[in-house]
N, C-alpha and C. Protein backbone atom coordinates (compact mmCIF):
# COMPACT_ATOMS: atom_id res chain seq x y z
N UNK A 1 -28.76 211.53 -14.22
CA UNK A 1 -29.71 211.45 -13.13
C UNK A 1 -30.68 212.65 -13.18
N UNK A 2 -30.14 213.80 -13.56
CA UNK A 2 -30.98 215.00 -13.65
C UNK A 2 -32.15 214.78 -14.62
N UNK A 3 -31.85 214.19 -15.78
CA UNK A 3 -32.89 213.92 -16.79
C UNK A 3 -33.88 212.88 -16.28
N UNK A 4 -33.38 211.89 -15.54
CA UNK A 4 -34.27 210.85 -14.99
C UNK A 4 -35.25 211.47 -14.00
N UNK A 5 -34.79 212.40 -13.19
CA UNK A 5 -35.68 213.07 -12.23
C UNK A 5 -36.70 213.92 -12.99
N UNK A 6 -36.25 214.61 -14.04
CA UNK A 6 -37.17 215.42 -14.86
C UNK A 6 -38.23 214.54 -15.49
N UNK A 7 -37.82 213.40 -16.05
CA UNK A 7 -38.77 212.48 -16.69
C UNK A 7 -39.76 211.92 -15.67
N UNK A 8 -39.27 211.56 -14.48
CA UNK A 8 -40.15 211.02 -13.45
C UNK A 8 -41.11 212.09 -12.94
N UNK A 9 -40.63 213.31 -12.77
CA UNK A 9 -41.51 214.41 -12.34
C UNK A 9 -42.59 214.66 -13.40
N UNK A 10 -42.21 214.60 -14.67
CA UNK A 10 -43.18 214.77 -15.76
C UNK A 10 -44.23 213.66 -15.73
N UNK A 11 -43.79 212.43 -15.47
CA UNK A 11 -44.73 211.31 -15.38
C UNK A 11 -45.71 211.53 -14.23
N UNK A 12 -45.19 211.95 -13.09
CA UNK A 12 -46.04 212.20 -11.92
C UNK A 12 -47.06 213.30 -12.24
N UNK A 13 -46.60 214.37 -12.87
CA UNK A 13 -47.51 215.47 -13.21
C UNK A 13 -48.59 215.01 -14.18
N UNK A 14 -48.20 214.24 -15.18
CA UNK A 14 -49.16 213.79 -16.19
C UNK A 14 -50.16 212.79 -15.62
N UNK A 15 -49.68 211.84 -14.85
CA UNK A 15 -50.55 210.78 -14.37
C UNK A 15 -51.36 211.13 -13.13
N UNK A 16 -50.81 212.01 -12.29
CA UNK A 16 -51.51 212.34 -11.05
C UNK A 16 -52.19 213.71 -11.10
N UNK A 17 -52.03 214.41 -12.21
CA UNK A 17 -52.68 215.70 -12.34
C UNK A 17 -52.10 216.78 -11.45
N UNK A 18 -50.82 216.65 -11.11
CA UNK A 18 -50.16 217.64 -10.26
C UNK A 18 -49.63 218.77 -11.13
N UNK A 19 -49.92 220.01 -10.76
CA UNK A 19 -49.42 221.17 -11.51
C UNK A 19 -48.27 221.86 -10.78
N UNK A 20 -47.95 221.40 -9.59
CA UNK A 20 -46.90 222.01 -8.78
C UNK A 20 -45.56 221.35 -9.10
N UNK A 21 -44.67 222.10 -9.75
CA UNK A 21 -43.38 221.56 -10.17
C UNK A 21 -42.54 221.11 -8.98
N UNK A 22 -42.52 221.89 -7.91
CA UNK A 22 -41.71 221.55 -6.75
C UNK A 22 -42.17 220.24 -6.12
N UNK A 23 -43.47 220.07 -5.97
CA UNK A 23 -44.01 218.84 -5.39
C UNK A 23 -43.66 217.64 -6.27
N UNK A 24 -43.84 217.77 -7.58
CA UNK A 24 -43.52 216.67 -8.50
C UNK A 24 -42.02 216.36 -8.46
N UNK A 25 -41.21 217.40 -8.39
CA UNK A 25 -39.75 217.23 -8.34
C UNK A 25 -39.35 216.49 -7.06
N UNK A 26 -39.94 216.86 -5.95
CA UNK A 26 -39.63 216.20 -4.67
C UNK A 26 -40.04 214.73 -4.68
N UNK A 27 -41.25 214.47 -5.21
CA UNK A 27 -41.72 213.08 -5.29
C UNK A 27 -40.80 212.25 -6.19
N UNK A 28 -40.42 212.83 -7.33
CA UNK A 28 -39.54 212.12 -8.27
C UNK A 28 -38.18 211.83 -7.62
N UNK A 29 -37.62 212.82 -6.94
CA UNK A 29 -36.32 212.63 -6.28
C UNK A 29 -36.41 211.54 -5.22
N UNK A 30 -37.50 211.55 -4.46
CA UNK A 30 -37.69 210.53 -3.42
C UNK A 30 -37.79 209.14 -4.04
N UNK A 31 -38.57 209.01 -5.11
CA UNK A 31 -38.74 207.71 -5.77
C UNK A 31 -37.44 207.18 -6.35
N UNK A 32 -36.60 208.11 -6.82
CA UNK A 32 -35.33 207.69 -7.43
C UNK A 32 -34.16 207.69 -6.45
N UNK A 33 -34.43 208.04 -5.20
CA UNK A 33 -33.40 208.02 -4.18
C UNK A 33 -32.38 209.14 -4.32
N UNK A 34 -32.77 210.24 -4.91
CA UNK A 34 -31.87 211.38 -5.09
C UNK A 34 -31.95 212.27 -3.85
N UNK A 35 -30.81 212.51 -3.24
CA UNK A 35 -30.78 213.36 -2.05
C UNK A 35 -29.97 214.63 -2.29
N UNK A 36 -29.20 214.68 -3.37
CA UNK A 36 -28.39 215.84 -3.70
C UNK A 36 -29.23 216.85 -4.49
N UNK A 37 -29.60 217.94 -3.83
CA UNK A 37 -30.46 218.94 -4.46
C UNK A 37 -29.80 219.61 -5.67
N UNK A 38 -28.49 219.56 -5.75
CA UNK A 38 -27.80 220.22 -6.86
C UNK A 38 -28.05 219.54 -8.20
N UNK A 39 -28.51 218.29 -8.19
CA UNK A 39 -28.78 217.63 -9.47
C UNK A 39 -30.26 217.60 -9.82
N UNK A 40 -31.07 218.28 -9.02
CA UNK A 40 -32.49 218.35 -9.36
C UNK A 40 -32.69 219.23 -10.59
N UNK A 41 -33.60 218.85 -11.47
CA UNK A 41 -33.81 219.62 -12.70
C UNK A 41 -34.54 220.94 -12.44
N UNK A 42 -34.34 221.88 -13.36
CA UNK A 42 -35.09 223.14 -13.32
C UNK A 42 -36.51 222.86 -13.81
N UNK A 43 -37.41 223.74 -13.48
CA UNK A 43 -38.81 223.59 -13.90
C UNK A 43 -38.94 223.56 -15.42
N UNK A 44 -38.09 224.32 -16.12
CA UNK A 44 -38.15 224.32 -17.58
C UNK A 44 -37.78 222.95 -18.14
N UNK A 45 -36.86 222.25 -17.47
CA UNK A 45 -36.49 220.90 -17.91
C UNK A 45 -37.65 219.93 -17.69
N UNK A 46 -38.36 220.10 -16.59
CA UNK A 46 -39.51 219.24 -16.32
C UNK A 46 -40.62 219.53 -17.33
N UNK A 47 -40.83 220.81 -17.63
CA UNK A 47 -41.86 221.17 -18.61
C UNK A 47 -41.53 220.56 -19.97
N UNK A 48 -40.28 220.60 -20.38
CA UNK A 48 -39.86 219.98 -21.66
C UNK A 48 -40.11 218.48 -21.64
N UNK A 49 -39.79 217.84 -20.52
CA UNK A 49 -40.04 216.40 -20.39
C UNK A 49 -41.54 216.10 -20.43
N UNK A 50 -42.33 217.00 -19.86
CA UNK A 50 -43.79 216.83 -19.86
C UNK A 50 -44.34 216.94 -21.28
N UNK A 51 -43.90 217.93 -22.04
CA UNK A 51 -44.30 218.05 -23.45
C UNK A 51 -43.94 216.79 -24.21
N UNK A 52 -42.71 216.31 -24.05
CA UNK A 52 -42.25 215.12 -24.77
C UNK A 52 -43.08 213.90 -24.37
N UNK A 53 -43.37 213.75 -23.10
CA UNK A 53 -44.17 212.62 -22.62
C UNK A 53 -45.57 212.67 -23.21
N UNK A 54 -46.16 213.85 -23.22
CA UNK A 54 -47.53 213.97 -23.74
C UNK A 54 -47.58 213.66 -25.24
N UNK A 55 -46.58 214.12 -25.99
CA UNK A 55 -46.53 213.81 -27.42
C UNK A 55 -46.35 212.31 -27.64
N UNK A 56 -45.49 211.68 -26.86
CA UNK A 56 -45.16 210.28 -27.04
C UNK A 56 -46.29 209.35 -26.62
N UNK A 57 -46.86 209.59 -25.44
CA UNK A 57 -47.82 208.65 -24.89
C UNK A 57 -49.29 209.01 -25.11
N UNK A 58 -49.58 210.28 -25.29
CA UNK A 58 -50.99 210.67 -25.37
C UNK A 58 -51.43 211.10 -26.76
N UNK A 59 -50.53 211.71 -27.50
CA UNK A 59 -50.83 212.12 -28.87
C UNK A 59 -52.14 212.87 -29.01
N UNK A 60 -53.04 212.33 -29.82
CA UNK A 60 -54.32 212.97 -30.11
C UNK A 60 -55.22 213.10 -28.90
N UNK A 61 -55.11 212.15 -27.97
CA UNK A 61 -55.94 212.22 -26.77
C UNK A 61 -55.58 213.46 -25.94
N UNK A 62 -54.28 213.74 -25.85
CA UNK A 62 -53.86 214.93 -25.11
C UNK A 62 -54.36 216.20 -25.78
N UNK A 63 -54.24 216.26 -27.09
CA UNK A 63 -54.73 217.43 -27.83
C UNK A 63 -56.22 217.63 -27.61
N UNK A 64 -56.98 216.54 -27.60
CA UNK A 64 -58.42 216.62 -27.35
C UNK A 64 -58.71 217.12 -25.94
N UNK A 65 -57.93 216.65 -24.95
CA UNK A 65 -58.10 217.11 -23.57
C UNK A 65 -57.82 218.61 -23.46
N UNK A 66 -56.74 219.06 -24.10
CA UNK A 66 -56.39 220.49 -24.06
C UNK A 66 -57.50 221.31 -24.71
N UNK A 67 -58.02 220.84 -25.84
CA UNK A 67 -59.11 221.57 -26.52
C UNK A 67 -60.33 221.65 -25.62
N UNK A 68 -60.67 220.55 -24.93
CA UNK A 68 -61.82 220.57 -24.02
C UNK A 68 -61.60 221.54 -22.87
N UNK A 69 -60.40 221.54 -22.31
CA UNK A 69 -60.08 222.47 -21.22
C UNK A 69 -60.17 223.91 -21.71
N UNK A 70 -59.66 224.17 -22.90
CA UNK A 70 -59.70 225.53 -23.44
C UNK A 70 -61.12 225.96 -23.76
N UNK A 71 -61.98 225.03 -24.21
CA UNK A 71 -63.39 225.37 -24.44
C UNK A 71 -64.07 225.75 -23.12
N UNK A 72 -63.78 224.99 -22.07
CA UNK A 72 -64.35 225.32 -20.75
C UNK A 72 -63.80 226.66 -20.26
N UNK A 73 -62.52 226.91 -20.52
CA UNK A 73 -61.92 228.19 -20.13
C UNK A 73 -62.60 229.33 -20.86
N UNK A 74 -62.84 229.15 -22.15
CA UNK A 74 -63.51 230.18 -22.94
C UNK A 74 -64.91 230.45 -22.41
N UNK A 75 -65.61 229.40 -22.03
CA UNK A 75 -66.95 229.55 -21.44
C UNK A 75 -66.86 230.38 -20.15
N UNK A 76 -65.90 230.08 -19.30
CA UNK A 76 -65.73 230.83 -18.05
C UNK A 76 -65.33 232.27 -18.33
N UNK A 77 -64.46 232.46 -19.32
CA UNK A 77 -64.00 233.81 -19.66
C UNK A 77 -65.15 234.66 -20.18
N UNK A 78 -66.02 234.06 -20.97
CA UNK A 78 -67.18 234.80 -21.48
C UNK A 78 -68.16 235.13 -20.35
N UNK A 79 -68.29 234.23 -19.38
CA UNK A 79 -69.12 234.48 -18.21
C UNK A 79 -68.59 235.68 -17.42
N UNK A 80 -67.27 235.79 -17.36
CA UNK A 80 -66.62 236.84 -16.57
C UNK A 80 -66.10 237.98 -17.45
N UNK A 81 -66.70 238.19 -18.60
CA UNK A 81 -66.21 239.15 -19.60
C UNK A 81 -66.02 240.57 -19.04
N UNK A 82 -66.83 240.98 -18.08
CA UNK A 82 -66.71 242.33 -17.53
C UNK A 82 -65.41 242.55 -16.76
N UNK A 83 -64.70 241.47 -16.46
CA UNK A 83 -63.49 241.57 -15.65
C UNK A 83 -62.22 241.29 -16.47
N UNK A 84 -62.29 241.49 -17.77
CA UNK A 84 -61.15 241.32 -18.69
C UNK A 84 -60.35 240.05 -18.39
N UNK A 85 -60.99 238.89 -18.42
CA UNK A 85 -60.31 237.65 -18.03
C UNK A 85 -59.13 237.30 -18.94
N UNK A 86 -58.13 236.69 -18.32
CA UNK A 86 -56.96 236.20 -19.05
C UNK A 86 -56.70 234.76 -18.61
N UNK A 87 -56.51 233.88 -19.58
CA UNK A 87 -56.15 232.50 -19.29
C UNK A 87 -54.65 232.43 -19.06
N UNK A 88 -54.22 231.68 -18.05
CA UNK A 88 -52.81 231.51 -17.73
C UNK A 88 -52.56 230.04 -17.39
N UNK A 89 -51.30 229.67 -17.28
CA UNK A 89 -50.94 228.37 -16.75
C UNK A 89 -50.96 227.23 -17.74
N UNK A 90 -51.07 226.00 -17.22
CA UNK A 90 -50.93 224.79 -18.02
C UNK A 90 -51.97 224.65 -19.15
N UNK A 91 -53.18 225.15 -18.95
CA UNK A 91 -54.18 225.04 -20.01
C UNK A 91 -53.77 225.90 -21.20
N UNK A 92 -53.22 227.07 -20.92
CA UNK A 92 -52.74 227.94 -21.99
C UNK A 92 -51.49 227.37 -22.65
N UNK A 93 -50.54 226.90 -21.85
CA UNK A 93 -49.28 226.40 -22.41
C UNK A 93 -49.43 225.07 -23.12
N UNK A 94 -50.48 224.32 -22.76
CA UNK A 94 -50.69 223.02 -23.39
C UNK A 94 -50.12 221.86 -22.61
N UNK A 95 -49.67 222.09 -21.38
CA UNK A 95 -49.12 221.00 -20.56
C UNK A 95 -50.13 220.43 -19.57
N UNK A 96 -51.35 220.93 -19.58
CA UNK A 96 -52.36 220.49 -18.62
C UNK A 96 -52.73 219.03 -18.85
N UNK A 97 -53.13 218.39 -17.76
CA UNK A 97 -53.67 217.03 -17.86
C UNK A 97 -55.19 217.15 -17.75
N UNK A 98 -55.86 216.04 -17.91
CA UNK A 98 -57.33 216.05 -17.79
C UNK A 98 -57.76 216.46 -16.38
N UNK A 99 -56.85 216.37 -15.41
CA UNK A 99 -57.16 216.70 -14.01
C UNK A 99 -56.86 218.16 -13.66
N UNK A 100 -56.28 218.89 -14.58
CA UNK A 100 -55.82 220.26 -14.28
C UNK A 100 -56.98 221.23 -14.11
N UNK A 101 -56.75 222.21 -13.24
CA UNK A 101 -57.69 223.31 -13.10
C UNK A 101 -57.41 224.33 -14.18
N UNK A 102 -58.43 225.10 -14.50
CA UNK A 102 -58.29 226.23 -15.42
C UNK A 102 -57.92 227.43 -14.56
N UNK A 103 -56.84 228.11 -14.91
CA UNK A 103 -56.40 229.28 -14.14
C UNK A 103 -56.70 230.55 -14.92
N UNK A 104 -57.45 231.45 -14.29
CA UNK A 104 -57.79 232.74 -14.90
C UNK A 104 -57.28 233.87 -14.02
N UNK A 105 -56.97 234.99 -14.66
CA UNK A 105 -56.71 236.24 -13.97
C UNK A 105 -57.86 237.17 -14.34
N UNK A 106 -58.49 237.76 -13.32
CA UNK A 106 -59.58 238.72 -13.51
C UNK A 106 -59.14 240.06 -12.94
N UNK A 107 -59.74 241.14 -13.44
CA UNK A 107 -59.36 242.49 -13.02
C UNK A 107 -60.62 243.25 -12.65
N UNK A 108 -60.70 243.67 -11.37
CA UNK A 108 -61.93 244.30 -10.88
C UNK A 108 -61.61 245.36 -9.83
N UNK A 109 -62.56 246.28 -9.64
CA UNK A 109 -62.43 247.28 -8.59
C UNK A 109 -62.33 246.61 -7.22
N UNK A 110 -63.18 245.60 -7.03
CA UNK A 110 -63.18 244.87 -5.76
C UNK A 110 -63.44 243.39 -6.05
N UNK A 111 -62.95 242.49 -5.21
CA UNK A 111 -63.25 241.07 -5.39
C UNK A 111 -64.74 240.77 -5.20
N UNK A 112 -65.39 241.62 -4.42
CA UNK A 112 -66.83 241.42 -4.19
C UNK A 112 -67.61 241.52 -5.49
N UNK A 113 -67.15 242.35 -6.42
CA UNK A 113 -67.83 242.49 -7.71
C UNK A 113 -67.84 241.16 -8.45
N UNK A 114 -66.76 240.42 -8.35
CA UNK A 114 -66.68 239.10 -8.99
C UNK A 114 -67.64 238.13 -8.30
N UNK A 115 -67.65 238.14 -6.98
CA UNK A 115 -68.54 237.27 -6.21
C UNK A 115 -70.00 237.57 -6.54
N UNK A 116 -70.33 238.85 -6.64
CA UNK A 116 -71.70 239.25 -6.96
C UNK A 116 -72.08 238.74 -8.35
N UNK A 117 -71.17 238.86 -9.33
CA UNK A 117 -71.45 238.37 -10.68
C UNK A 117 -71.72 236.87 -10.68
N UNK A 118 -70.91 236.12 -9.95
CA UNK A 118 -71.12 234.67 -9.86
C UNK A 118 -72.46 234.36 -9.20
N UNK A 119 -72.80 235.11 -8.15
CA UNK A 119 -74.10 234.93 -7.49
C UNK A 119 -75.25 235.23 -8.44
N UNK A 120 -75.14 236.33 -9.20
CA UNK A 120 -76.19 236.72 -10.15
C UNK A 120 -76.42 235.64 -11.21
N UNK A 121 -75.34 234.97 -11.60
CA UNK A 121 -75.44 233.92 -12.62
C UNK A 121 -75.76 232.56 -12.01
N UNK A 122 -75.93 232.51 -10.70
CA UNK A 122 -76.26 231.24 -10.03
C UNK A 122 -75.11 230.24 -10.03
N UNK A 123 -73.89 230.75 -10.04
CA UNK A 123 -72.72 229.87 -10.07
C UNK A 123 -72.18 229.69 -8.64
N UNK A 124 -72.28 228.48 -8.11
CA UNK A 124 -71.70 228.24 -6.78
C UNK A 124 -70.19 228.46 -6.85
N UNK A 125 -69.66 229.08 -5.80
CA UNK A 125 -68.23 229.35 -5.79
C UNK A 125 -67.69 229.38 -4.37
N UNK A 126 -66.38 229.27 -4.30
CA UNK A 126 -65.68 229.28 -3.02
C UNK A 126 -64.65 230.40 -3.06
N UNK A 127 -64.56 231.17 -1.99
CA UNK A 127 -63.57 232.25 -1.90
C UNK A 127 -62.27 231.69 -1.34
N UNK A 128 -61.16 232.08 -1.96
CA UNK A 128 -59.83 231.61 -1.58
C UNK A 128 -58.85 232.77 -1.61
N UNK A 129 -57.61 232.47 -1.33
CA UNK A 129 -56.52 233.43 -1.52
C UNK A 129 -55.40 232.72 -2.27
N UNK A 130 -54.71 233.46 -3.11
CA UNK A 130 -53.57 232.92 -3.86
C UNK A 130 -52.39 233.85 -3.68
N UNK A 131 -51.25 233.27 -3.40
CA UNK A 131 -50.00 234.02 -3.24
C UNK A 131 -49.22 233.90 -4.53
N UNK A 132 -48.92 235.04 -5.14
CA UNK A 132 -48.20 235.06 -6.41
C UNK A 132 -46.91 235.86 -6.27
N UNK A 133 -45.89 235.41 -6.96
CA UNK A 133 -44.58 236.06 -6.89
C UNK A 133 -44.42 237.02 -8.06
N UNK A 134 -43.92 238.22 -7.74
CA UNK A 134 -43.67 239.23 -8.76
C UNK A 134 -42.19 239.47 -8.99
N UNK A 135 -41.42 239.28 -7.96
CA UNK A 135 -39.97 239.42 -8.04
C UNK A 135 -39.39 238.35 -7.14
N UNK A 136 -38.09 238.20 -7.17
CA UNK A 136 -37.45 237.14 -6.39
C UNK A 136 -37.87 237.17 -4.92
N UNK A 137 -37.99 238.36 -4.36
CA UNK A 137 -38.28 238.46 -2.94
C UNK A 137 -39.60 239.17 -2.63
N UNK A 138 -40.49 239.25 -3.62
CA UNK A 138 -41.77 239.93 -3.37
C UNK A 138 -42.93 239.09 -3.86
N UNK A 139 -43.73 238.64 -2.91
CA UNK A 139 -44.96 237.91 -3.22
C UNK A 139 -46.13 238.71 -2.70
N UNK A 140 -47.25 238.58 -3.37
CA UNK A 140 -48.45 239.31 -2.99
C UNK A 140 -49.61 238.32 -2.92
N UNK A 141 -50.46 238.47 -1.92
CA UNK A 141 -51.64 237.62 -1.78
C UNK A 141 -52.84 238.32 -2.40
N UNK A 142 -53.58 237.57 -3.22
CA UNK A 142 -54.76 238.10 -3.90
C UNK A 142 -55.97 237.22 -3.60
N UNK A 143 -57.15 237.82 -3.61
CA UNK A 143 -58.37 237.01 -3.47
C UNK A 143 -58.57 236.18 -4.74
N UNK A 144 -59.21 235.05 -4.57
CA UNK A 144 -59.49 234.17 -5.71
C UNK A 144 -60.83 233.48 -5.48
N UNK A 145 -61.39 232.97 -6.56
CA UNK A 145 -62.64 232.23 -6.49
C UNK A 145 -62.49 230.93 -7.26
N UNK A 146 -63.03 229.87 -6.70
CA UNK A 146 -63.05 228.57 -7.39
C UNK A 146 -64.50 228.26 -7.73
N UNK A 147 -64.73 227.91 -9.00
CA UNK A 147 -66.06 227.53 -9.46
C UNK A 147 -65.90 226.54 -10.61
N UNK A 148 -67.01 226.05 -11.12
CA UNK A 148 -66.97 225.06 -12.20
C UNK A 148 -67.54 225.67 -13.47
N UNK A 149 -66.82 225.44 -14.58
CA UNK A 149 -67.29 225.83 -15.92
C UNK A 149 -67.26 224.57 -16.77
N UNK A 150 -68.41 224.22 -17.33
CA UNK A 150 -68.49 222.96 -18.05
C UNK A 150 -68.31 221.86 -17.03
N UNK A 151 -67.30 221.03 -17.23
CA UNK A 151 -66.98 219.97 -16.28
C UNK A 151 -65.69 220.26 -15.51
N UNK A 152 -65.12 221.46 -15.70
CA UNK A 152 -63.80 221.76 -15.18
C UNK A 152 -63.83 222.78 -14.05
N UNK A 153 -62.93 222.59 -13.11
CA UNK A 153 -62.77 223.54 -12.01
C UNK A 153 -61.96 224.74 -12.50
N UNK A 154 -62.44 225.92 -12.15
CA UNK A 154 -61.77 227.17 -12.52
C UNK A 154 -61.25 227.82 -11.24
N UNK A 155 -60.01 228.26 -11.28
CA UNK A 155 -59.41 228.99 -10.18
C UNK A 155 -59.11 230.39 -10.72
N UNK A 156 -59.90 231.37 -10.29
CA UNK A 156 -59.79 232.73 -10.82
C UNK A 156 -59.24 233.68 -9.77
N UNK A 157 -58.06 234.23 -10.04
CA UNK A 157 -57.43 235.19 -9.13
C UNK A 157 -57.89 236.58 -9.53
N UNK A 158 -58.28 237.39 -8.53
CA UNK A 158 -58.78 238.74 -8.80
C UNK A 158 -57.70 239.76 -8.47
N UNK A 159 -57.28 240.50 -9.51
CA UNK A 159 -56.30 241.57 -9.38
C UNK A 159 -57.02 242.91 -9.40
N UNK A 160 -56.39 243.97 -8.88
CA UNK A 160 -56.96 245.30 -9.07
C UNK A 160 -56.92 245.64 -10.57
N UNK A 161 -57.66 246.66 -10.97
CA UNK A 161 -57.75 247.02 -12.39
C UNK A 161 -56.39 247.25 -13.03
N UNK A 162 -55.48 247.89 -12.30
CA UNK A 162 -54.16 248.17 -12.90
C UNK A 162 -53.25 246.94 -12.89
N UNK A 163 -53.71 245.83 -12.32
CA UNK A 163 -52.94 244.59 -12.30
C UNK A 163 -52.76 243.97 -13.67
N UNK A 164 -53.50 244.48 -14.64
CA UNK A 164 -53.40 243.95 -16.00
C UNK A 164 -52.06 244.34 -16.64
N UNK A 165 -51.43 245.38 -16.08
CA UNK A 165 -50.17 245.87 -16.66
C UNK A 165 -48.96 245.01 -16.33
N UNK A 166 -48.98 244.34 -15.18
CA UNK A 166 -47.83 243.53 -14.79
C UNK A 166 -48.28 242.13 -14.39
N UNK A 167 -47.79 241.17 -15.11
CA UNK A 167 -48.12 239.78 -14.85
C UNK A 167 -47.19 239.22 -13.77
N UNK A 168 -47.70 238.36 -12.90
CA UNK A 168 -46.81 237.73 -11.91
C UNK A 168 -45.82 236.80 -12.60
N UNK A 169 -44.83 236.35 -11.87
CA UNK A 169 -43.80 235.46 -12.41
C UNK A 169 -44.37 234.06 -12.64
N UNK A 170 -43.96 233.46 -13.72
CA UNK A 170 -44.33 232.09 -14.02
C UNK A 170 -43.60 231.14 -13.08
N UNK A 171 -44.29 230.12 -12.57
CA UNK A 171 -43.61 229.15 -11.73
C UNK A 171 -42.65 228.26 -12.53
N UNK A 172 -42.76 228.30 -13.85
CA UNK A 172 -41.90 227.47 -14.69
C UNK A 172 -40.54 228.11 -14.89
N UNK A 173 -40.52 229.36 -15.38
CA UNK A 173 -39.23 229.96 -15.73
C UNK A 173 -38.93 231.28 -15.02
N UNK A 174 -39.85 231.77 -14.18
CA UNK A 174 -39.62 233.00 -13.44
C UNK A 174 -39.85 234.27 -14.24
N UNK A 175 -40.14 234.14 -15.53
CA UNK A 175 -40.44 235.30 -16.37
C UNK A 175 -41.90 235.68 -16.18
N UNK A 176 -42.31 236.89 -16.63
CA UNK A 176 -43.72 237.24 -16.48
C UNK A 176 -44.63 236.19 -17.14
N UNK A 177 -45.67 235.83 -16.42
CA UNK A 177 -46.60 234.81 -16.86
C UNK A 177 -47.28 235.22 -18.16
N UNK A 178 -47.38 234.30 -19.08
CA UNK A 178 -48.10 234.56 -20.33
C UNK A 178 -49.59 234.57 -20.04
N UNK A 179 -50.29 235.57 -20.57
CA UNK A 179 -51.73 235.71 -20.39
C UNK A 179 -52.38 235.78 -21.76
N UNK A 180 -53.56 235.14 -21.91
CA UNK A 180 -54.29 235.17 -23.17
C UNK A 180 -55.71 235.66 -22.92
N UNK A 181 -56.15 236.63 -23.74
CA UNK A 181 -57.51 237.13 -23.61
C UNK A 181 -58.48 236.23 -24.37
N UNK A 182 -59.76 236.58 -24.34
CA UNK A 182 -60.81 235.75 -24.97
C UNK A 182 -60.51 235.51 -26.45
N UNK A 183 -60.13 236.56 -27.18
CA UNK A 183 -59.86 236.40 -28.60
C UNK A 183 -58.69 235.45 -28.86
N UNK A 184 -57.66 235.54 -28.04
CA UNK A 184 -56.50 234.65 -28.20
C UNK A 184 -56.84 233.20 -27.90
N UNK A 185 -57.65 232.96 -26.88
CA UNK A 185 -58.07 231.59 -26.57
C UNK A 185 -58.97 231.06 -27.67
N UNK A 186 -59.90 231.88 -28.16
CA UNK A 186 -60.75 231.47 -29.28
C UNK A 186 -59.90 231.12 -30.51
N UNK A 187 -58.85 231.90 -30.75
CA UNK A 187 -57.96 231.62 -31.89
C UNK A 187 -57.25 230.28 -31.71
N UNK A 188 -56.86 229.96 -30.47
CA UNK A 188 -56.23 228.65 -30.20
C UNK A 188 -57.17 227.51 -30.55
N UNK A 189 -58.46 227.76 -30.37
CA UNK A 189 -59.49 226.76 -30.66
C UNK A 189 -60.01 226.88 -32.09
N UNK A 190 -59.60 227.97 -32.75
CA UNK A 190 -60.05 228.26 -34.12
C UNK A 190 -61.57 228.41 -34.18
N UNK A 191 -62.12 229.15 -33.18
CA UNK A 191 -63.55 229.46 -33.16
C UNK A 191 -63.73 230.97 -33.00
N UNK A 192 -64.89 231.43 -33.32
CA UNK A 192 -65.18 232.86 -33.21
C UNK A 192 -65.79 233.19 -31.87
């Protein structure tokens, strides 16, 4: 039953563009009539099922979608180059769907500096807040901006300059989130 819930959560994430593991897990459990929380899969199990599903059902189309998302991410990262952008999340890991947002981490003296840069470049944006977990019992709220790069929505969280030293916890496995700089994303795309 645990694997069935993981597979159903992966299907929901892939087909509905949901990036929230808990939400997908809850929907899958409800659809399958699972009420015992002890048999719900871990996020890593859902991520594995998502990779398997994408390889099985999407193949080359999924790879093309990931490449397009990464190209848009690279465009956004180059736009925000002064803020040492890092790509994180499903677009970096390769589990993103065509509906996924691009998640960036930016590092600046103030969030206003990021807003000013977007204004200078004529990029419409929305100010938000994002709550990120650093330890089991410590979450921190950071300013964020949502804008569009290419055809994709970008969600960019702004950390203080020293925030580059410690990455928040991954929602998948609880370990420090993997971050990729411009050169690493370009290497994933095999472009200069």
